[in-house]
Amino acid sequence: MASFSQQLRDETQPIWAAIFAHPFLAAIKDGTLPPETFQYYLGQDYHYLEGFGRTVAIALAKSPDGALLQELAHRVMTPVERPLHQQLIEAAGLSMADVESTPRSPTNTAYVNHMLVTASMHGLGPTAAALLPCPWTYHLLKDEVGQSEHPLYGQWTRFYVEGFLQSSVDAWRGFVDEMAERVGEQEREAMRQAFVISSRYEYMFWDAAYRREQWPV
C-alpha cells in the first residue's frame, strides 16, 4: 500500500501537473522570463520562506516526542534556500533592503496565513502536510523543468537539479507518514485538506509572480 504522503501526491496530481506546466516555469527554462518578474518572485519567495520558518517553529512546540523534536529543530535551524536567495538577489540587481521592504502579495499573504493557522489550530500532522508541497514540488523541478541555460535563471534551476531539497522532502514526508499512522481518521482528513490547499497555493504563487500581483486598493 502506498504511503500516506504518496496517496496525497496521487490525489493532487492534476494540481501538480498545472504547477509544472505554468508559463512562469517555461519562461525560466528558456530564459525569456522578464527580469522584473524574477525580481518580483525573489521578493515574494523571501517573505514566504520567513512564514514557512515561523510555521515550523510553531510545529516544534507541538512535537509529540523527543526524536521528532530534534528532527524538527534541524528543519528550523538549516533553511537550505537562504544562501541561494542571497546569491540570486544580488545577481538580479536587488539589495536586501529592496527585498525586505517589498510587501507580501495577496496570494503570498493568504498562503502564509494558511500555514500559520494550520499550525496554530492543529498538531504536527496537518502542519507537516501543509508545509510539504512547497519543498516537494520545488524538488521535482529537476525532472519537470530541468536546467536553464540562462546565466541568472540557471543558478536558480541548478539548486534544484542538483537535489539540494532531497533531505528536506524526505524529512517532511517522514513527518506526514509517521503522524498519519499515529492519529485517527479525523486528523488524517485535516492533513489531507492542508496538503490539497497548500498544493493549490503553490500554483497560485507561481501565477501571482507571473502576473506580478499587486493589492487592488
N, C-alpha and C. Protein backbone atom coordinates (compact mmCIF):
# COMPACT_ATOMS: atom_id res chain seq x y z
N MET A 1 0.84 -1.20 0.00
CA MET A 1 0.00 0.00 0.00
C MET A 1 0.88 1.25 0.00
N ALA A 2 0.49 2.24 -0.78
CA ALA A 2 1.27 3.47 -0.87
C ALA A 2 1.26 4.21 0.46
N SER A 3 2.34 4.89 0.76
CA SER A 3 2.41 5.71 1.97
C SER A 3 1.35 6.81 1.90
N PHE A 4 1.04 7.39 3.06
CA PHE A 4 0.03 8.44 3.09
C PHE A 4 0.47 9.64 2.27
N SER A 5 1.76 10.00 2.36
CA SER A 5 2.24 11.14 1.57
C SER A 5 2.10 10.85 0.07
N GLN A 6 2.34 9.61 -0.34
CA GLN A 6 2.18 9.28 -1.75
C GLN A 6 0.72 9.31 -2.17
N GLN A 7 -0.17 8.89 -1.27
CA GLN A 7 -1.60 8.99 -1.56
C GLN A 7 -2.01 10.45 -1.78
N LEU A 8 -1.48 11.34 -0.94
CA LEU A 8 -1.77 12.77 -1.10
C LEU A 8 -1.23 13.29 -2.43
N ARG A 9 -0.03 12.85 -2.75
CA ARG A 9 0.59 13.26 -4.02
C ARG A 9 -0.25 12.78 -5.21
N ASP A 10 -0.73 11.55 -5.15
CA ASP A 10 -1.54 11.00 -6.25
C ASP A 10 -2.86 11.76 -6.38
N GLU A 11 -3.44 12.11 -5.25
CA GLU A 11 -4.72 12.81 -5.27
C GLU A 11 -4.59 14.20 -5.90
N THR A 12 -3.46 14.83 -5.68
CA THR A 12 -3.28 16.20 -6.17
C THR A 12 -2.57 16.24 -7.52
N GLN A 13 -2.45 15.13 -8.21
CA GLN A 13 -1.74 15.10 -9.48
C GLN A 13 -2.23 16.16 -10.48
N PRO A 14 -3.55 16.38 -10.65
CA PRO A 14 -3.97 17.44 -11.59
C PRO A 14 -3.46 18.83 -11.20
N ILE A 15 -3.42 19.10 -9.90
CA ILE A 15 -2.92 20.40 -9.44
C ILE A 15 -1.43 20.51 -9.73
N TRP A 16 -0.70 19.45 -9.43
CA TRP A 16 0.75 19.48 -9.64
C TRP A 16 1.10 19.54 -11.12
N ALA A 17 0.30 18.88 -11.95
CA ALA A 17 0.53 18.97 -13.39
C ALA A 17 0.38 20.41 -13.87
N ALA A 18 -0.62 21.12 -13.32
CA ALA A 18 -0.82 22.53 -13.67
C ALA A 18 0.35 23.38 -13.18
N ILE A 19 0.89 23.06 -12.02
CA ILE A 19 2.05 23.78 -11.50
C ILE A 19 3.22 23.68 -12.48
N PHE A 20 3.56 22.44 -12.86
CA PHE A 20 4.73 22.24 -13.70
C PHE A 20 4.54 22.74 -15.13
N ALA A 21 3.29 22.92 -15.52
CA ALA A 21 3.00 23.44 -16.86
C ALA A 21 2.87 24.96 -16.89
N HIS A 22 3.06 25.62 -15.74
CA HIS A 22 2.82 27.06 -15.69
C HIS A 22 3.83 27.80 -16.57
N PRO A 23 3.40 28.84 -17.27
CA PRO A 23 4.31 29.58 -18.16
C PRO A 23 5.47 30.26 -17.45
N PHE A 24 5.34 30.55 -16.16
CA PHE A 24 6.48 31.10 -15.43
C PHE A 24 7.66 30.15 -15.52
N LEU A 25 7.42 28.87 -15.28
CA LEU A 25 8.50 27.89 -15.28
C LEU A 25 9.02 27.63 -16.69
N ALA A 26 8.13 27.66 -17.68
CA ALA A 26 8.57 27.51 -19.07
C ALA A 26 9.49 28.66 -19.46
N ALA A 27 9.15 29.87 -19.01
CA ALA A 27 9.96 31.05 -19.34
C ALA A 27 11.29 31.05 -18.58
N ILE A 28 11.30 30.47 -17.39
CA ILE A 28 12.57 30.28 -16.67
C ILE A 28 13.47 29.35 -17.47
N LYS A 29 12.91 28.26 -17.94
CA LYS A 29 13.71 27.24 -18.65
C LYS A 29 14.30 27.82 -19.94
N ASP A 30 13.49 28.55 -20.71
CA ASP A 30 14.00 29.04 -22.00
C ASP A 30 14.63 30.43 -21.90
N GLY A 31 14.65 31.01 -20.70
CA GLY A 31 15.34 32.27 -20.49
C GLY A 31 14.60 33.51 -20.92
N THR A 32 13.28 33.38 -21.17
CA THR A 32 12.50 34.52 -21.65
C THR A 32 11.74 35.26 -20.56
N LEU A 33 11.84 34.81 -19.33
CA LEU A 33 11.12 35.48 -18.24
C LEU A 33 11.68 36.90 -18.06
N PRO A 34 10.83 37.93 -18.04
CA PRO A 34 11.33 39.30 -17.84
C PRO A 34 12.06 39.42 -16.51
N PRO A 35 13.19 40.11 -16.48
CA PRO A 35 13.96 40.25 -15.23
C PRO A 35 13.13 40.82 -14.09
N GLU A 36 12.22 41.75 -14.39
CA GLU A 36 11.38 42.34 -13.35
C GLU A 36 10.46 41.31 -12.72
N THR A 37 10.03 40.34 -13.51
CA THR A 37 9.17 39.29 -12.98
C THR A 37 9.95 38.39 -12.03
N PHE A 38 11.20 38.09 -12.38
CA PHE A 38 12.02 37.27 -11.50
C PHE A 38 12.35 38.03 -10.22
N GLN A 39 12.60 39.33 -10.33
CA GLN A 39 12.83 40.14 -9.13
C GLN A 39 11.62 40.11 -8.21
N TYR A 40 10.45 40.22 -8.80
CA TYR A 40 9.21 40.14 -8.02
C TYR A 40 9.13 38.79 -7.30
N TYR A 41 9.38 37.73 -8.04
CA TYR A 41 9.32 36.38 -7.47
C TYR A 41 10.29 36.24 -6.30
N LEU A 42 11.52 36.72 -6.46
CA LEU A 42 12.51 36.58 -5.40
C LEU A 42 12.05 37.26 -4.12
N GLY A 43 11.48 38.46 -4.26
CA GLY A 43 10.99 39.17 -3.08
C GLY A 43 9.88 38.42 -2.38
N GLN A 44 8.95 37.90 -3.16
CA GLN A 44 7.84 37.17 -2.57
C GLN A 44 8.29 35.85 -1.94
N ASP A 45 9.21 35.16 -2.60
CA ASP A 45 9.69 33.89 -2.08
C ASP A 45 10.47 34.10 -0.79
N TYR A 46 11.21 35.18 -0.71
CA TYR A 46 11.95 35.50 0.51
C TYR A 46 10.97 35.64 1.69
N HIS A 47 9.89 36.37 1.48
CA HIS A 47 8.90 36.56 2.55
C HIS A 47 8.15 35.26 2.85
N TYR A 48 7.90 34.47 1.80
CA TYR A 48 7.22 33.19 2.02
C TYR A 48 8.05 32.30 2.94
N LEU A 49 9.36 32.22 2.68
CA LEU A 49 10.20 31.33 3.49
C LEU A 49 10.26 31.77 4.95
N GLU A 50 10.12 33.06 5.19
CA GLU A 50 10.02 33.52 6.57
C GLU A 50 8.76 32.94 7.23
N GLY A 51 7.64 32.98 6.49
CA GLY A 51 6.41 32.39 7.01
C GLY A 51 6.53 30.89 7.19
N PHE A 52 7.23 30.22 6.28
CA PHE A 52 7.48 28.78 6.40
C PHE A 52 8.24 28.50 7.69
N GLY A 53 9.30 29.29 7.94
CA GLY A 53 10.09 29.09 9.15
C GLY A 53 9.29 29.32 10.42
N ARG A 54 8.44 30.33 10.42
CA ARG A 54 7.61 30.59 11.59
C ARG A 54 6.62 29.44 11.83
N THR A 55 6.13 28.86 10.75
CA THR A 55 5.21 27.73 10.88
C THR A 55 5.92 26.52 11.47
N VAL A 56 7.14 26.27 11.02
CA VAL A 56 7.92 25.16 11.58
C VAL A 56 8.18 25.38 13.07
N ALA A 57 8.43 26.63 13.44
CA ALA A 57 8.69 26.93 14.85
C ALA A 57 7.47 26.61 15.73
N ILE A 58 6.27 26.88 15.20
CA ILE A 58 5.05 26.52 15.94
C ILE A 58 4.93 25.01 16.05
N ALA A 59 5.22 24.33 14.95
CA ALA A 59 5.16 22.86 14.95
C ALA A 59 6.14 22.27 15.96
N LEU A 60 7.28 22.94 16.11
CA LEU A 60 8.31 22.46 17.04
C LEU A 60 7.74 22.33 18.45
N ALA A 61 6.94 23.29 18.84
CA ALA A 61 6.37 23.28 20.19
C ALA A 61 5.34 22.17 20.37
N LYS A 62 4.83 21.63 19.27
CA LYS A 62 3.78 20.61 19.36
C LYS A 62 4.31 19.21 19.07
N SER A 63 5.62 19.07 18.99
CA SER A 63 6.20 17.77 18.69
C SER A 63 5.84 16.76 19.78
N PRO A 64 5.34 15.58 19.41
CA PRO A 64 4.86 14.63 20.42
C PRO A 64 5.96 13.86 21.14
N ASP A 65 7.21 13.90 20.64
CA ASP A 65 8.28 13.19 21.35
C ASP A 65 9.63 13.81 21.02
N GLY A 66 10.65 13.39 21.78
CA GLY A 66 11.97 13.99 21.65
C GLY A 66 12.63 13.78 20.31
N ALA A 67 12.42 12.59 19.71
CA ALA A 67 13.06 12.31 18.43
C ALA A 67 12.52 13.24 17.34
N LEU A 68 11.22 13.43 17.31
CA LEU A 68 10.62 14.33 16.33
C LEU A 68 11.01 15.78 16.62
N LEU A 69 11.13 16.10 17.91
CA LEU A 69 11.54 17.45 18.29
C LEU A 69 12.93 17.77 17.73
N GLN A 70 13.84 16.80 17.85
CA GLN A 70 15.19 17.00 17.35
C GLN A 70 15.21 17.19 15.84
N GLU A 71 14.46 16.37 15.14
CA GLU A 71 14.44 16.46 13.68
C GLU A 71 13.78 17.75 13.22
N LEU A 72 12.72 18.16 13.89
CA LEU A 72 12.07 19.43 13.55
C LEU A 72 13.00 20.61 13.80
N ALA A 73 13.75 20.55 14.89
CA ALA A 73 14.69 21.63 15.20
C ALA A 73 15.71 21.77 14.08
N HIS A 74 16.11 20.67 13.50
CA HIS A 74 17.04 20.70 12.36
C HIS A 74 16.42 21.42 11.18
N ARG A 75 15.12 21.23 10.97
CA ARG A 75 14.43 21.90 9.87
C ARG A 75 14.39 23.41 10.09
N VAL A 76 14.31 23.84 11.36
CA VAL A 76 14.26 25.27 11.66
C VAL A 76 15.64 25.90 11.50
N MET A 77 16.66 25.20 11.94
CA MET A 77 17.99 25.79 12.02
C MET A 77 18.75 25.76 10.68
N THR A 78 18.28 25.02 9.72
CA THR A 78 19.01 24.92 8.45
C THR A 78 18.10 25.26 7.28
N PRO A 79 17.77 26.54 7.08
CA PRO A 79 16.96 26.94 5.93
C PRO A 79 17.79 26.88 4.66
N VAL A 80 17.75 25.73 3.95
CA VAL A 80 18.69 25.45 2.88
C VAL A 80 18.62 26.44 1.72
N GLU A 81 17.48 27.13 1.57
CA GLU A 81 17.36 28.01 0.42
C GLU A 81 17.82 29.45 0.69
N ARG A 82 18.10 29.78 1.93
CA ARG A 82 18.51 31.14 2.25
C ARG A 82 19.82 31.56 1.54
N PRO A 83 20.87 30.73 1.56
CA PRO A 83 22.08 31.13 0.84
C PRO A 83 21.83 31.34 -0.65
N LEU A 84 20.99 30.50 -1.24
CA LEU A 84 20.64 30.67 -2.66
C LEU A 84 19.97 32.02 -2.87
N HIS A 85 19.04 32.37 -1.99
CA HIS A 85 18.35 33.65 -2.10
C HIS A 85 19.34 34.82 -2.10
N GLN A 86 20.28 34.78 -1.19
CA GLN A 86 21.22 35.88 -1.08
C GLN A 86 22.04 36.05 -2.35
N GLN A 87 22.45 34.93 -2.95
CA GLN A 87 23.19 34.98 -4.21
C GLN A 87 22.33 35.55 -5.33
N LEU A 88 21.11 35.04 -5.44
CA LEU A 88 20.25 35.44 -6.54
C LEU A 88 19.78 36.88 -6.42
N ILE A 89 19.52 37.33 -5.21
CA ILE A 89 19.08 38.71 -5.01
C ILE A 89 20.14 39.68 -5.53
N GLU A 90 21.39 39.41 -5.20
CA GLU A 90 22.47 40.26 -5.68
C GLU A 90 22.62 40.15 -7.19
N ALA A 91 22.57 38.92 -7.71
CA ALA A 91 22.74 38.70 -9.15
C ALA A 91 21.60 39.33 -9.95
N ALA A 92 20.43 39.44 -9.35
CA ALA A 92 19.27 40.02 -10.03
C ALA A 92 19.24 41.54 -9.94
N GLY A 93 20.24 42.12 -9.30
CA GLY A 93 20.31 43.58 -9.21
C GLY A 93 19.49 44.18 -8.09
N LEU A 94 19.20 43.37 -7.07
CA LEU A 94 18.44 43.85 -5.92
C LEU A 94 19.33 43.91 -4.69
N SER A 95 18.89 44.64 -3.71
CA SER A 95 19.54 44.65 -2.40
C SER A 95 18.61 43.99 -1.40
N MET A 96 19.16 43.61 -0.25
CA MET A 96 18.31 43.04 0.79
C MET A 96 17.28 44.06 1.26
N ALA A 97 17.65 45.33 1.24
CA ALA A 97 16.69 46.37 1.63
C ALA A 97 15.52 46.40 0.66
N ASP A 98 15.80 46.22 -0.64
CA ASP A 98 14.73 46.16 -1.64
C ASP A 98 13.75 45.03 -1.32
N VAL A 99 14.32 43.88 -1.03
CA VAL A 99 13.51 42.68 -0.80
C VAL A 99 12.70 42.81 0.49
N GLU A 100 13.36 43.24 1.54
CA GLU A 100 12.69 43.30 2.84
C GLU A 100 11.60 44.37 2.89
N SER A 101 11.72 45.38 2.05
CA SER A 101 10.70 46.44 2.04
C SER A 101 9.54 46.13 1.10
N THR A 102 9.63 45.04 0.36
CA THR A 102 8.56 44.65 -0.55
C THR A 102 7.40 44.05 0.23
N PRO A 103 6.19 44.55 0.07
CA PRO A 103 5.06 43.95 0.81
C PRO A 103 4.69 42.58 0.26
N ARG A 104 4.19 41.74 1.12
CA ARG A 104 3.68 40.44 0.66
C ARG A 104 2.49 40.66 -0.26
N SER A 105 2.43 39.89 -1.32
CA SER A 105 1.29 39.94 -2.23
C SER A 105 0.05 39.35 -1.57
N PRO A 106 -1.13 39.57 -2.15
CA PRO A 106 -2.34 38.94 -1.60
C PRO A 106 -2.23 37.42 -1.53
N THR A 107 -1.74 36.79 -2.60
CA THR A 107 -1.63 35.33 -2.61
C THR A 107 -0.62 34.85 -1.59
N ASN A 108 0.52 35.52 -1.51
CA ASN A 108 1.55 35.14 -0.55
C ASN A 108 1.03 35.28 0.88
N THR A 109 0.31 36.36 1.15
CA THR A 109 -0.28 36.57 2.47
C THR A 109 -1.24 35.45 2.82
N ALA A 110 -2.10 35.09 1.88
CA ALA A 110 -3.08 34.03 2.13
C ALA A 110 -2.40 32.68 2.35
N TYR A 111 -1.37 32.39 1.57
CA TYR A 111 -0.66 31.11 1.70
C TYR A 111 0.02 31.02 3.06
N VAL A 112 0.74 32.06 3.45
CA VAL A 112 1.42 32.05 4.75
C VAL A 112 0.40 31.95 5.88
N ASN A 113 -0.69 32.67 5.77
CA ASN A 113 -1.72 32.60 6.80
C ASN A 113 -2.31 31.20 6.91
N HIS A 114 -2.50 30.55 5.77
CA HIS A 114 -2.99 29.16 5.77
C HIS A 114 -2.06 28.27 6.58
N MET A 115 -0.75 28.40 6.37
CA MET A 115 0.20 27.56 7.10
C MET A 115 0.19 27.88 8.59
N LEU A 116 0.18 29.16 8.92
CA LEU A 116 0.22 29.56 10.32
C LEU A 116 -1.06 29.16 11.07
N VAL A 117 -2.20 29.30 10.43
CA VAL A 117 -3.46 28.90 11.06
C VAL A 117 -3.50 27.39 11.25
N THR A 118 -3.03 26.64 10.25
CA THR A 118 -2.99 25.18 10.38
C THR A 118 -2.12 24.78 11.56
N ALA A 119 -0.94 25.40 11.68
CA ALA A 119 -0.04 25.06 12.78
C ALA A 119 -0.62 25.46 14.13
N SER A 120 -1.35 26.57 14.16
CA SER A 120 -1.92 27.05 15.43
C SER A 120 -3.09 26.21 15.90
N MET A 121 -3.88 25.71 14.95
CA MET A 121 -5.12 25.02 15.30
C MET A 121 -4.99 23.50 15.34
N HIS A 122 -3.90 22.97 14.77
CA HIS A 122 -3.76 21.52 14.68
C HIS A 122 -2.41 21.08 15.24
N GLY A 123 -2.19 19.79 15.19
CA GLY A 123 -0.93 19.22 15.64
C GLY A 123 0.08 19.12 14.50
N LEU A 124 1.09 18.30 14.73
CA LEU A 124 2.19 18.19 13.78
C LEU A 124 1.74 17.61 12.44
N GLY A 125 0.79 16.67 12.44
CA GLY A 125 0.39 16.03 11.20
C GLY A 125 -0.12 17.00 10.15
N PRO A 126 -1.19 17.76 10.43
CA PRO A 126 -1.68 18.72 9.45
C PRO A 126 -0.65 19.81 9.12
N THR A 127 0.15 20.20 10.11
CA THR A 127 1.16 21.23 9.85
C THR A 127 2.19 20.72 8.85
N ALA A 128 2.68 19.51 9.07
CA ALA A 128 3.65 18.93 8.13
C ALA A 128 3.03 18.77 6.75
N ALA A 129 1.76 18.40 6.70
CA ALA A 129 1.08 18.23 5.41
C ALA A 129 0.93 19.57 4.70
N ALA A 130 0.72 20.65 5.46
CA ALA A 130 0.62 21.97 4.86
C ALA A 130 1.96 22.46 4.33
N LEU A 131 3.05 22.06 4.98
CA LEU A 131 4.38 22.51 4.59
C LEU A 131 4.99 21.68 3.45
N LEU A 132 4.60 20.44 3.32
CA LEU A 132 5.25 19.52 2.39
C LEU A 132 5.17 19.91 0.91
N PRO A 133 4.04 20.40 0.39
CA PRO A 133 4.00 20.66 -1.06
C PRO A 133 5.07 21.63 -1.56
N CYS A 134 5.48 22.58 -0.76
CA CYS A 134 6.49 23.54 -1.22
C CYS A 134 7.82 22.85 -1.53
N PRO A 135 8.49 22.21 -0.57
CA PRO A 135 9.76 21.58 -0.93
C PRO A 135 9.61 20.46 -1.94
N TRP A 136 8.49 19.74 -1.89
CA TRP A 136 8.33 18.59 -2.79
C TRP A 136 8.17 19.04 -4.24
N THR A 137 7.32 20.03 -4.48
CA THR A 137 7.15 20.49 -5.86
C THR A 137 8.44 21.13 -6.37
N TYR A 138 9.12 21.90 -5.53
CA TYR A 138 10.39 22.51 -5.96
C TYR A 138 11.44 21.44 -6.27
N HIS A 139 11.50 20.42 -5.44
CA HIS A 139 12.45 19.34 -5.67
C HIS A 139 12.21 18.68 -7.03
N LEU A 140 10.95 18.52 -7.39
CA LEU A 140 10.61 17.86 -8.65
C LEU A 140 10.85 18.74 -9.88
N LEU A 141 11.20 20.01 -9.67
CA LEU A 141 11.55 20.85 -10.81
C LEU A 141 12.74 20.27 -11.56
N LYS A 142 13.57 19.49 -10.89
CA LYS A 142 14.72 18.87 -11.55
C LYS A 142 14.28 17.96 -12.69
N ASP A 143 13.12 17.32 -12.54
CA ASP A 143 12.59 16.44 -13.57
C ASP A 143 11.62 17.16 -14.49
N GLU A 144 10.82 18.06 -13.92
CA GLU A 144 9.73 18.68 -14.68
C GLU A 144 10.18 19.90 -15.48
N VAL A 145 11.22 20.56 -15.04
CA VAL A 145 11.73 21.75 -15.74
C VAL A 145 13.15 21.53 -16.23
N GLY A 146 14.03 21.08 -15.35
CA GLY A 146 15.41 20.84 -15.72
C GLY A 146 16.25 22.10 -15.68
N GLN A 147 17.47 21.99 -16.20
CA GLN A 147 18.44 23.07 -16.12
C GLN A 147 18.20 24.12 -17.19
N SER A 148 18.15 25.37 -16.75
CA SER A 148 18.09 26.51 -17.67
C SER A 148 19.51 26.92 -18.05
N GLU A 149 19.69 27.33 -19.28
CA GLU A 149 20.99 27.81 -19.74
C GLU A 149 21.14 29.32 -19.54
N HIS A 150 20.10 29.97 -19.08
CA HIS A 150 20.17 31.41 -18.84
C HIS A 150 21.16 31.67 -17.70
N PRO A 151 22.01 32.72 -17.81
CA PRO A 151 23.05 32.94 -16.79
C PRO A 151 22.51 33.15 -15.38
N LEU A 152 21.34 33.81 -15.24
CA LEU A 152 20.76 34.02 -13.91
C LEU A 152 19.82 32.89 -13.53
N TYR A 153 18.90 32.56 -14.40
CA TYR A 153 17.91 31.54 -14.08
C TYR A 153 18.56 30.16 -13.94
N GLY A 154 19.70 29.99 -14.61
CA GLY A 154 20.43 28.73 -14.47
C GLY A 154 20.96 28.52 -13.07
N GLN A 155 21.31 29.62 -12.37
CA GLN A 155 21.73 29.49 -10.97
C GLN A 155 20.58 28.97 -10.12
N TRP A 156 19.38 29.45 -10.43
CA TRP A 156 18.20 29.05 -9.67
C TRP A 156 17.84 27.59 -9.93
N THR A 157 17.79 27.19 -11.21
CA THR A 157 17.41 25.81 -11.51
C THR A 157 18.47 24.82 -11.03
N ARG A 158 19.75 25.22 -11.05
CA ARG A 158 20.81 24.29 -10.67
C ARG A 158 20.65 23.80 -9.23
N PHE A 159 20.18 24.68 -8.37
CA PHE A 159 19.98 24.31 -6.96
C PHE A 159 19.05 23.11 -6.85
N TYR A 160 17.99 23.10 -7.65
CA TYR A 160 17.01 22.02 -7.58
C TYR A 160 17.45 20.82 -8.40
N VAL A 161 18.06 21.07 -9.55
CA VAL A 161 18.55 19.97 -10.40
C VAL A 161 19.59 19.13 -9.64
N GLU A 162 20.40 19.80 -8.83
CA GLU A 162 21.44 19.08 -8.08
C GLU A 162 20.90 18.42 -6.80
N GLY A 163 19.60 18.59 -6.54
CA GLY A 163 18.96 17.80 -5.48
C GLY A 163 19.14 18.30 -4.06
N PHE A 164 19.35 19.61 -3.90
CA PHE A 164 19.59 20.13 -2.56
C PHE A 164 18.37 20.04 -1.65
N LEU A 165 17.19 19.80 -2.20
CA LEU A 165 15.99 19.69 -1.35
C LEU A 165 15.63 18.25 -1.02
N GLN A 166 16.43 17.30 -1.45
CA GLN A 166 16.08 15.90 -1.23
C GLN A 166 15.89 15.58 0.25
N SER A 167 16.83 16.00 1.09
CA SER A 167 16.72 15.67 2.52
C SER A 167 15.52 16.36 3.15
N SER A 168 15.21 17.58 2.69
CA SER A 168 14.05 18.28 3.21
C SER A 168 12.76 17.55 2.85
N VAL A 169 12.64 17.13 1.61
CA VAL A 169 11.45 16.39 1.17
C VAL A 169 11.32 15.09 1.95
N ASP A 170 12.43 14.36 2.09
CA ASP A 170 12.39 13.09 2.83
C ASP A 170 11.94 13.31 4.26
N ALA A 171 12.43 14.39 4.88
CA ALA A 171 12.06 14.66 6.28
C ALA A 171 10.58 14.98 6.41
N TRP A 172 10.07 15.89 5.57
CA TRP A 172 8.67 16.27 5.68
C TRP A 172 7.73 15.14 5.30
N ARG A 173 8.11 14.35 4.31
CA ARG A 173 7.30 13.15 4.00
C ARG A 173 7.30 12.20 5.19
N GLY A 174 8.44 12.08 5.84
CA GLY A 174 8.53 11.21 7.01
C GLY A 174 7.62 11.67 8.13
N PHE A 175 7.59 13.00 8.38
CA PHE A 175 6.69 13.52 9.41
C PHE A 175 5.23 13.22 9.05
N VAL A 176 4.87 13.44 7.80
CA VAL A 176 3.49 13.20 7.37
C VAL A 176 3.13 11.73 7.52
N ASP A 177 3.99 10.85 7.05
CA ASP A 177 3.69 9.42 7.10
C ASP A 177 3.63 8.89 8.53
N GLU A 178 4.55 9.36 9.37
CA GLU A 178 4.55 8.89 10.76
C GLU A 178 3.31 9.37 11.50
N MET A 179 2.96 10.64 11.32
CA MET A 179 1.79 11.16 12.03
C MET A 179 0.50 10.53 11.50
N ALA A 180 0.45 10.21 10.22
CA ALA A 180 -0.75 9.55 9.67
C ALA A 180 -0.99 8.20 10.32
N GLU A 181 0.09 7.54 10.75
CA GLU A 181 -0.05 6.25 11.44
C GLU A 181 -0.46 6.43 12.90
N ARG A 182 -0.16 7.58 13.49
CA ARG A 182 -0.43 7.79 14.91
C ARG A 182 -1.82 8.34 15.19
N VAL A 183 -2.40 9.04 14.23
CA VAL A 183 -3.63 9.79 14.50
C VAL A 183 -4.84 9.07 13.93
N GLY A 184 -6.03 9.57 14.29
CA GLY A 184 -7.27 8.99 13.81
C GLY A 184 -7.69 9.56 12.47
N GLU A 185 -8.84 9.09 12.01
CA GLU A 185 -9.32 9.46 10.69
C GLU A 185 -9.61 10.95 10.58
N GLN A 186 -10.13 11.55 11.63
CA GLN A 186 -10.44 12.98 11.57
C GLN A 186 -9.17 13.81 11.35
N GLU A 187 -8.09 13.46 12.05
CA GLU A 187 -6.84 14.20 11.90
C GLU A 187 -6.21 13.92 10.53
N ARG A 188 -6.34 12.70 10.04
CA ARG A 188 -5.82 12.41 8.69
C ARG A 188 -6.57 13.22 7.63
N GLU A 189 -7.87 13.42 7.84
CA GLU A 189 -8.62 14.25 6.90
C GLU A 189 -8.14 15.70 6.95
N ALA A 190 -7.80 16.18 8.15
CA ALA A 190 -7.25 17.53 8.27
C ALA A 190 -5.91 17.62 7.55
N MET A 191 -5.13 16.56 7.62
CA MET A 191 -3.86 16.51 6.90
C MET A 191 -4.11 16.56 5.38
N ARG A 192 -5.07 15.82 4.94
CA ARG A 192 -5.38 15.80 3.50
C ARG A 192 -5.80 17.18 3.02
N GLN A 193 -6.68 17.81 3.77
CA GLN A 193 -7.15 19.14 3.40
C GLN A 193 -5.99 20.14 3.37
N ALA A 194 -5.13 20.08 4.37
CA ALA A 194 -4.00 21.02 4.44
C ALA A 194 -3.08 20.83 3.24
N PHE A 195 -2.83 19.59 2.85
CA PHE A 195 -1.95 19.31 1.72
C PHE A 195 -2.57 19.80 0.41
N VAL A 196 -3.86 19.55 0.22
CA VAL A 196 -4.53 19.97 -1.01
C VAL A 196 -4.53 21.50 -1.13
N ILE A 197 -4.85 22.18 -0.03
CA ILE A 197 -4.89 23.64 -0.07
C ILE A 197 -3.51 24.22 -0.37
N SER A 198 -2.47 23.69 0.28
CA SER A 198 -1.13 24.18 0.01
C SER A 198 -0.72 23.91 -1.44
N SER A 199 -1.13 22.78 -1.99
CA SER A 199 -0.83 22.49 -3.39
C SER A 199 -1.48 23.52 -4.30
N ARG A 200 -2.70 23.89 -3.98
CA ARG A 200 -3.39 24.92 -4.77
C ARG A 200 -2.66 26.27 -4.65
N TYR A 201 -2.22 26.57 -3.44
CA TYR A 201 -1.49 27.83 -3.25
C TYR A 201 -0.15 27.81 -3.99
N GLU A 202 0.47 26.64 -4.11
CA GLU A 202 1.72 26.58 -4.88
C GLU A 202 1.48 27.03 -6.32
N TYR A 203 0.40 26.55 -6.90
CA TYR A 203 0.06 27.01 -8.26
C TYR A 203 -0.21 28.51 -8.26
N MET A 204 -0.99 28.96 -7.31
CA MET A 204 -1.36 30.38 -7.26
C MET A 204 -0.15 31.27 -7.02
N PHE A 205 0.85 30.77 -6.29
CA PHE A 205 2.06 31.54 -6.04
C PHE A 205 2.81 31.80 -7.35
N TRP A 206 2.96 30.75 -8.17
CA TRP A 206 3.61 30.94 -9.49
C TRP A 206 2.80 31.91 -10.35
N ASP A 207 1.50 31.75 -10.31
CA ASP A 207 0.65 32.59 -11.15
C ASP A 207 0.71 34.05 -10.70
N ALA A 208 0.72 34.27 -9.39
CA ALA A 208 0.82 35.64 -8.87
C ALA A 208 2.15 36.27 -9.26
N ALA A 209 3.22 35.48 -9.22
CA ALA A 209 4.53 36.00 -9.61
C ALA A 209 4.56 36.33 -11.10
N TYR A 210 3.95 35.48 -11.90
CA TYR A 210 3.94 35.70 -13.35
C TYR A 210 3.21 37.00 -13.70
N ARG A 211 2.13 37.27 -12.92
CA ARG A 211 1.34 38.49 -13.16
C ARG A 211 1.87 39.69 -12.35
N ARG A 212 2.87 39.45 -11.51
CA ARG A 212 3.35 40.48 -10.59
C ARG A 212 2.19 41.09 -9.81
N GLU A 213 1.46 40.20 -9.17
CA GLU A 213 0.21 40.55 -8.48
C GLU A 213 0.43 41.68 -7.48
N GLN A 214 -0.50 42.62 -7.48
CA GLN A 214 -0.50 43.73 -6.52
C GLN A 214 -1.84 43.78 -5.79
N TRP A 215 -1.84 44.45 -4.65
CA TRP A 215 -3.11 44.68 -3.95
C TRP A 215 -3.96 45.63 -4.81
N PRO A 216 -5.24 45.33 -5.00
CA PRO A 216 -6.06 46.17 -5.91
C PRO A 216 -6.36 47.56 -5.37
N VAL A 217 -6.35 47.71 -4.06
CA VAL A 217 -6.62 49.03 -3.47
C VAL A 217 -5.66 49.28 -2.31
